[in-house]
Amino acid sequence: MGKALLIIVLALSTLFSTGMLNMNRNSLASVDEYSAHYRQMAARNAAVSGVYMSFSKLYQDSTWRSGFNDLSLDGSMVNVDLDSISGWDTKITSTASFENISKTIEVMLRLPLELGETAIFTTDTVEKVVVKDSKDGDPIDSLIVMNAPEMVPFDTTSMINLARSQGNILIGDQSFNKDWPIGSNSFYADSVNKIPNVTYIDGNLSIGGSCTLFGIFIIKSNIIFEARGNPSVVGILYLPDGGEVIFDGGGDPKKPDVYGGIVCDGKVWATPKSDKVWVKYEKEYMKLFSNYQLSKNLYILSWAESHFYH
């Protein structure tokens, strides 16, 4: 009887010890799993912070490309690199290391375009038209944005309402060869309060002879600079609906064809008859026009994450 009891006690003891060992092993595995998860989340949170800190910097200054080097965030080390893919898109690579785990996040970001810093903006091409500071100056390609992926949104309604209040609404195709018949011979309707002349043309516009346009012109269809004479614009040409800016011959090399800027959802081009067509960038006019820009947000095009152990 005593031997039987001893055998039972030894068996229970062994069973209990084995169970406790398995429980300890499971507990240690759970602790290791929790620890690994914590380290992964710590690294990810730091990498995400690097991305969002970059968003903030870019929103304040779209030219910022410095990134961050060996930035310490809650025990993680963060490095952020930025690469310009195009005039619009930038890749942000944020890598954070926490203990033996690293987390990398790659974000493709579309930046807002500041139109006040451009002379010609188009979703199409620019052909035989250059931007210069003077008649003898070199072309300034950096002031031209072409083949933009989309039209920048503007508060066109407010501009048309301003044109209506000024009596500057023209319906149908228009053609002028002499002095501009409406508005004033100035970019500004009110120079003290910096209110521009705005004209809306619900159709095509052709100008020739000595005709010079003043102000902001919203044109539904195309504008054609005719071969006869030396027509010109002092202000902004804004074609939001797919119209084209066409220089059909003529041109005076001593003065710009457009003194201001062009924003166009279509081609800006000169025909083979044209020679020395040029635009002189006027920052004051373009800056004022850019005040009507609706959206200056950052757009996330893609977001990819990966992690690895050291």
Protein backbone atom coordinates (compact mmCIF):
# COMPACT_ATOMS: atom_id res chain seq x y z
CA MET A 1 0.00 0.00 0.00
CA GLY A 2 2.80 2.41 0.90
CA LYS A 3 4.64 1.73 -2.35
CA ALA A 4 1.46 2.39 -4.32
CA LEU A 5 0.94 5.74 -2.62
CA LEU A 6 4.56 6.69 -3.26
CA ILE A 7 4.18 5.87 -6.94
CA ILE A 8 0.98 7.97 -7.13
CA VAL A 9 2.66 10.93 -5.40
CA LEU A 10 5.67 10.77 -7.72
CA ALA A 11 3.39 10.58 -10.77
CA LEU A 12 1.34 13.60 -9.66
CA SER A 13 4.49 15.53 -8.89
CA THR A 14 5.93 14.80 -12.32
CA LEU A 15 2.64 15.72 -14.01
CA PHE A 16 2.41 18.95 -12.04
CA SER A 17 6.03 19.87 -12.81
CA THR A 18 5.52 19.21 -16.52
CA GLY A 19 2.35 21.31 -16.54
CA MET A 20 4.09 24.18 -14.76
CA LEU A 21 6.99 23.98 -17.21
CA ASN A 22 4.61 24.17 -20.17
CA MET A 23 2.77 27.08 -18.57
CA ASN A 24 6.05 28.91 -18.01
CA ARG A 25 7.08 28.26 -21.59
CA ASN A 26 3.73 29.58 -22.86
CA SER A 27 3.99 32.60 -20.60
CA LEU A 28 7.50 33.36 -21.85
CA ALA A 29 6.33 32.98 -25.47
CA SER A 30 3.46 35.39 -24.78
CA VAL A 31 5.84 37.87 -23.19
CA ASP A 32 8.20 37.61 -26.17
CA GLU A 33 5.31 38.06 -28.59
CA TYR A 34 4.01 41.08 -26.67
CA SER A 35 7.51 42.55 -26.50
CA ALA A 36 8.00 42.12 -30.26
CA HIS A 37 4.60 43.71 -30.93
CA TYR A 38 5.46 46.62 -28.66
CA ARG A 39 8.78 47.19 -30.43
CA GLN A 40 7.10 47.03 -33.84
CA MET A 41 4.46 49.56 -32.78
CA ALA A 42 7.08 51.85 -31.22
CA ALA A 43 9.09 51.82 -34.46
CA ARG A 44 5.95 52.33 -36.59
CA ASN A 45 4.68 55.23 -34.47
CA ALA A 46 8.05 56.96 -34.77
CA ALA A 47 8.14 56.42 -38.56
CA VAL A 48 4.60 57.78 -38.89
CA SER A 49 5.62 60.81 -36.83
CA GLY A 50 8.50 61.40 -39.25
CA VAL A 51 6.05 61.38 -42.16
CA TYR A 52 3.64 63.81 -40.54
CA MET A 53 6.42 66.13 -39.43
CA SER A 54 7.47 66.22 -43.09
CA PHE A 55 3.89 67.04 -44.13
CA SER A 56 3.96 70.03 -41.78
CA LYS A 57 7.28 71.27 -43.13
CA LEU A 58 6.15 70.92 -46.75
CA TYR A 59 2.87 72.69 -46.12
CA GLN A 60 4.81 75.66 -44.75
CA ASP A 61 7.46 75.53 -47.49
CA SER A 62 6.88 73.41 -50.60
CA THR A 63 10.60 73.68 -51.48
CA TRP A 64 11.77 72.01 -48.23
CA ARG A 65 13.81 68.87 -48.93
CA SER A 66 16.20 68.73 -45.95
CA GLY A 67 14.53 65.78 -44.23
CA PHE A 68 15.54 64.67 -40.74
CA ASN A 69 18.72 62.95 -39.64
CA ASP A 70 19.07 60.86 -36.43
CA LEU A 71 16.01 62.42 -34.85
CA SER A 72 15.22 60.92 -31.42
CA LEU A 73 11.53 60.26 -30.75
CA ASP A 74 10.46 58.33 -27.63
CA GLY A 75 13.45 56.05 -27.73
CA SER A 76 13.36 55.54 -31.49
CA MET A 77 15.86 56.95 -34.00
CA VAL A 78 14.20 58.46 -37.08
CA ASN A 79 15.63 59.41 -40.47
CA VAL A 80 13.55 60.99 -43.24
CA ASP A 81 14.61 61.49 -46.87
CA LEU A 82 12.70 63.38 -49.59
CA ASP A 83 13.06 62.90 -53.35
CA SER A 84 11.41 65.13 -55.96
CA ILE A 85 9.83 62.84 -58.55
CA SER A 86 8.38 65.71 -60.59
CA GLY A 87 7.39 69.33 -60.15
CA TRP A 88 4.27 68.05 -58.41
CA ASP A 89 5.14 64.76 -56.70
CA THR A 90 7.59 64.04 -53.88
CA LYS A 91 8.52 60.72 -52.25
CA ILE A 92 8.97 60.72 -48.47
CA THR A 93 10.92 57.81 -46.94
CA SER A 94 10.72 57.68 -43.15
CA THR A 95 12.72 54.98 -41.31
CA ALA A 96 12.56 54.51 -37.54
CA SER A 97 14.62 52.06 -35.43
CA PHE A 98 13.62 50.83 -31.98
CA GLU A 99 15.93 48.28 -30.34
CA ASN A 100 16.31 45.51 -32.96
CA ILE A 101 13.34 46.49 -35.18
CA SER A 102 13.23 49.03 -38.01
CA LYS A 103 10.11 50.35 -39.71
CA THR A 104 10.13 52.08 -43.10
CA ILE A 105 7.22 54.04 -44.56
CA GLU A 106 7.26 55.36 -48.13
CA VAL A 107 4.70 57.99 -49.09
CA MET A 108 4.09 59.53 -52.51
CA LEU A 109 2.82 63.06 -51.98
CA ARG A 110 1.40 65.62 -54.40
CA LEU A 111 2.28 69.17 -53.40
CA PRO A 112 0.14 72.25 -53.93
CA LEU A 113 1.40 74.49 -56.73
CA GLU A 114 1.86 78.15 -55.89
CA LEU A 115 0.70 79.79 -59.12
CA GLY A 116 2.03 83.13 -57.99
CA GLU A 117 5.49 81.74 -58.77
CA THR A 118 4.71 80.76 -62.39
CA ALA A 119 4.27 82.68 -65.64
CA ILE A 120 2.59 79.96 -67.70
CA PHE A 121 0.60 77.04 -66.31
CA THR A 122 -1.05 74.51 -68.60
CA THR A 123 -2.27 70.93 -68.54
CA ASP A 124 -1.04 70.65 -72.13
CA THR A 125 2.12 71.75 -73.94
CA VAL A 126 3.82 75.10 -74.58
CA GLU A 127 5.17 75.46 -78.12
CA LYS A 128 7.23 78.36 -79.56
CA VAL A 129 6.34 80.59 -76.59
CA VAL A 130 9.01 81.59 -74.06
CA VAL A 131 9.14 83.47 -70.77
CA LYS A 132 11.75 86.22 -70.41
CA ASP A 133 12.56 89.19 -68.18
CA SER A 134 13.36 91.42 -71.15
CA LYS A 135 13.47 91.31 -74.94
CA ASP A 136 17.18 90.40 -74.90
CA GLY A 137 16.96 88.10 -71.89
CA ASP A 138 17.35 84.34 -71.88
CA PRO A 139 14.28 82.10 -71.65
CA ILE A 140 13.33 81.23 -68.05
CA ASP A 141 12.02 77.68 -68.30
CA SER A 142 11.54 77.42 -64.52
CA LEU A 143 8.56 79.81 -64.77
CA ILE A 144 6.68 77.42 -67.08
CA VAL A 145 4.60 74.49 -65.80
CA MET A 146 3.25 72.31 -68.61
CA ASN A 147 1.67 68.87 -68.83
CA ALA A 148 0.28 69.34 -65.34
CA PRO A 149 -1.70 66.26 -64.23
CA GLU A 150 -4.77 68.36 -63.46
CA MET A 151 -6.09 71.91 -63.53
CA VAL A 152 -5.58 73.87 -60.35
CA PRO A 153 -9.03 74.66 -58.86
CA PHE A 154 -10.01 78.33 -58.70
CA ASP A 155 -12.97 80.26 -57.37
CA THR A 156 -14.07 81.08 -60.90
CA THR A 157 -17.59 81.94 -59.74
CA SER A 158 -16.34 84.81 -57.56
CA MET A 159 -14.27 86.18 -60.43
CA ILE A 160 -17.24 86.03 -62.83
CA ASN A 161 -19.41 87.78 -60.22
CA LEU A 162 -16.78 90.53 -59.98
CA ALA A 163 -16.79 90.83 -63.79
CA ARG A 164 -20.59 91.12 -63.71
CA SER A 165 -20.47 93.86 -61.07
CA GLN A 166 -18.04 95.76 -63.30
CA GLY A 167 -20.23 95.29 -66.37
CA ASN A 168 -17.58 93.15 -68.09
CA ILE A 169 -19.60 90.16 -69.35
CA LEU A 170 -19.48 89.39 -73.08
CA ILE A 171 -21.64 86.62 -74.55
CA GLY A 172 -20.58 84.78 -77.69
CA ASP A 173 -17.46 85.06 -79.86
CA GLN A 174 -15.70 88.44 -79.80
CA SER A 175 -13.17 90.14 -82.10
CA PHE A 176 -11.34 93.43 -81.48
CA ASN A 177 -8.69 95.27 -83.48
CA LYS A 178 -8.45 98.63 -81.73
CA ASP A 179 -8.66 99.89 -78.17
CA TRP A 180 -10.27 97.54 -75.70
CA PRO A 181 -13.88 98.79 -75.50
CA ILE A 182 -14.74 97.94 -71.88
CA GLY A 183 -13.15 98.34 -68.48
CA SER A 184 -10.17 100.69 -68.21
CA ASN A 185 -6.63 100.88 -69.57
CA SER A 186 -5.24 99.46 -66.36
CA PHE A 187 -4.93 96.07 -64.73
CA TYR A 188 -6.69 97.49 -61.67
CA ALA A 189 -10.25 98.73 -61.43
CA ASP A 190 -9.28 100.06 -57.99
CA SER A 191 -5.52 100.40 -57.58
CA VAL A 192 -5.79 101.55 -53.95
CA ASN A 193 -7.63 98.43 -52.81
CA LYS A 194 -5.92 96.20 -55.40
CA ILE A 195 -9.16 95.13 -57.12
CA PRO A 196 -8.45 93.95 -60.67
CA ASN A 197 -10.50 94.51 -63.77
CA VAL A 198 -12.10 91.15 -64.59
CA THR A 199 -13.74 90.28 -67.92
CA TYR A 200 -15.65 87.11 -68.74
CA ILE A 201 -16.03 86.07 -72.39
CA ASP A 202 -18.49 83.25 -73.03
CA GLY A 203 -16.94 82.15 -76.33
CA ASN A 204 -13.81 82.70 -78.45
CA LEU A 205 -11.80 85.93 -78.40
CA SER A 206 -9.70 87.26 -81.29
CA ILE A 207 -7.53 90.32 -80.93
CA GLY A 208 -5.48 92.08 -83.59
CA GLY A 209 -4.23 95.49 -84.65
CA SER A 210 -3.32 97.70 -81.71
CA CYS A 211 -5.73 96.05 -79.26
CA THR A 212 -4.36 95.65 -75.73
CA LEU A 213 -6.30 93.84 -73.02
CA PHE A 214 -6.07 94.95 -69.37
CA GLY A 215 -6.96 92.87 -66.32
CA ILE A 216 -7.94 89.26 -65.74
CA PHE A 217 -9.66 87.60 -68.72
CA ILE A 218 -11.73 84.47 -68.17
CA ILE A 219 -12.25 82.96 -71.61
CA LYS A 220 -14.68 80.08 -72.21
CA SER A 221 -13.07 78.91 -75.46
CA ASN A 222 -9.89 80.03 -77.32
CA ILE A 223 -8.01 83.29 -77.56
CA ILE A 224 -6.26 84.07 -80.84
CA PHE A 225 -3.62 86.76 -81.30
CA GLU A 226 -4.10 87.62 -84.96
CA ALA A 227 -1.24 88.18 -87.42
CA ARG A 228 -2.26 91.72 -88.27
CA GLY A 229 -0.85 94.30 -85.89
CA ASN A 230 0.70 93.73 -82.47
CA PRO A 231 -2.09 92.83 -80.02
CA SER A 232 -1.05 92.27 -76.41
CA VAL A 233 -2.29 91.57 -72.89
CA VAL A 234 -1.43 93.39 -69.68
CA GLY A 235 -2.76 90.97 -67.09
CA ILE A 236 -3.79 87.33 -66.82
CA LEU A 237 -5.31 85.00 -69.40
CA TYR A 238 -7.37 82.34 -67.62
CA LEU A 239 -8.87 79.54 -69.75
CA PRO A 240 -10.35 76.93 -67.38
CA ASP A 241 -12.45 74.93 -69.85
CA GLY A 242 -9.99 73.42 -72.33
CA GLY A 243 -9.49 76.48 -74.54
CA GLU A 244 -6.15 77.25 -76.17
CA VAL A 245 -3.94 80.36 -76.33
CA ILE A 246 -2.94 80.75 -79.99
CA PHE A 247 -0.40 83.25 -81.36
CA ASP A 248 -1.08 83.33 -85.11
CA GLY A 249 1.77 85.38 -86.54
CA GLY A 250 2.80 88.95 -85.86
CA GLY A 251 4.44 89.85 -82.58
CA ASP A 252 6.74 92.69 -81.60
CA PRO A 253 10.13 91.46 -80.31
CA LYS A 254 10.57 94.72 -78.39
CA LYS A 255 7.59 94.13 -76.11
CA PRO A 256 5.96 91.06 -74.54
CA ASP A 257 2.83 89.62 -76.07
CA VAL A 258 1.61 88.97 -72.53
CA TYR A 259 2.77 91.09 -69.61
CA GLY A 260 1.53 89.06 -66.65
CA GLY A 261 0.76 85.36 -66.96
CA ILE A 262 -1.28 82.54 -68.51
CA VAL A 263 -3.29 79.80 -66.74
CA CYS A 264 -4.77 77.42 -69.27
CA ASP A 265 -6.44 74.00 -69.40
CA GLY A 266 -5.23 73.62 -72.98
CA LYS A 267 -2.27 74.22 -75.28
CA VAL A 268 -0.29 77.49 -75.38
CA TRP A 269 1.30 77.74 -78.80
CA ALA A 270 2.41 79.86 -81.72
CA THR A 271 1.80 79.00 -85.38
CA PRO A 272 4.68 78.71 -87.90
CA LYS A 273 3.95 82.29 -88.99
CA SER A 274 4.78 83.57 -85.49
CA ASP A 275 8.21 84.70 -84.43
CA LYS A 276 9.67 85.79 -81.09
CA VAL A 277 6.48 85.33 -79.06
CA TRP A 278 7.28 85.93 -75.40
CA VAL A 279 5.65 86.39 -72.02
CA LYS A 280 7.00 88.70 -69.35
CA TYR A 281 6.23 87.36 -65.88
CA GLU A 282 4.61 89.97 -63.63
CA LYS A 283 4.73 88.64 -60.09
CA GLU A 284 2.31 91.21 -58.66
CA TYR A 285 -0.45 90.19 -61.07
CA MET A 286 0.10 86.44 -60.68
CA LYS A 287 0.24 86.70 -56.89
CA LEU A 288 -3.07 88.56 -56.85
CA PHE A 289 -4.61 86.00 -59.21
CA SER A 290 -3.40 83.12 -57.02
CA ASN A 291 -5.53 84.51 -54.18
CA TYR A 292 -8.48 82.94 -56.03
CA GLN A 293 -6.85 79.50 -55.83
CA LEU A 294 -9.21 77.23 -53.89
CA SER A 295 -7.08 74.28 -52.84
CA LYS A 296 -3.54 74.35 -51.52
CA ASN A 297 -3.73 70.96 -49.79
CA LEU A 298 -1.27 68.08 -49.77
CA TYR A 299 -2.51 64.91 -51.50
CA ILE A 300 -1.34 61.43 -50.45
CA LEU A 301 -1.03 59.33 -53.62
CA SER A 302 0.30 56.14 -51.96
CA TRP A 303 1.42 54.81 -48.55
CA ALA A 304 3.56 51.65 -48.17
CA GLU A 305 5.04 50.12 -44.98
CA SER A 306 7.63 47.45 -44.20
CA HIS A 307 9.63 46.33 -41.13
CA PHE A 308 12.62 44.11 -40.46
CA TYR A 309 14.76 42.85 -37.59
CA HIS A 310 18.40 43.81 -37.11
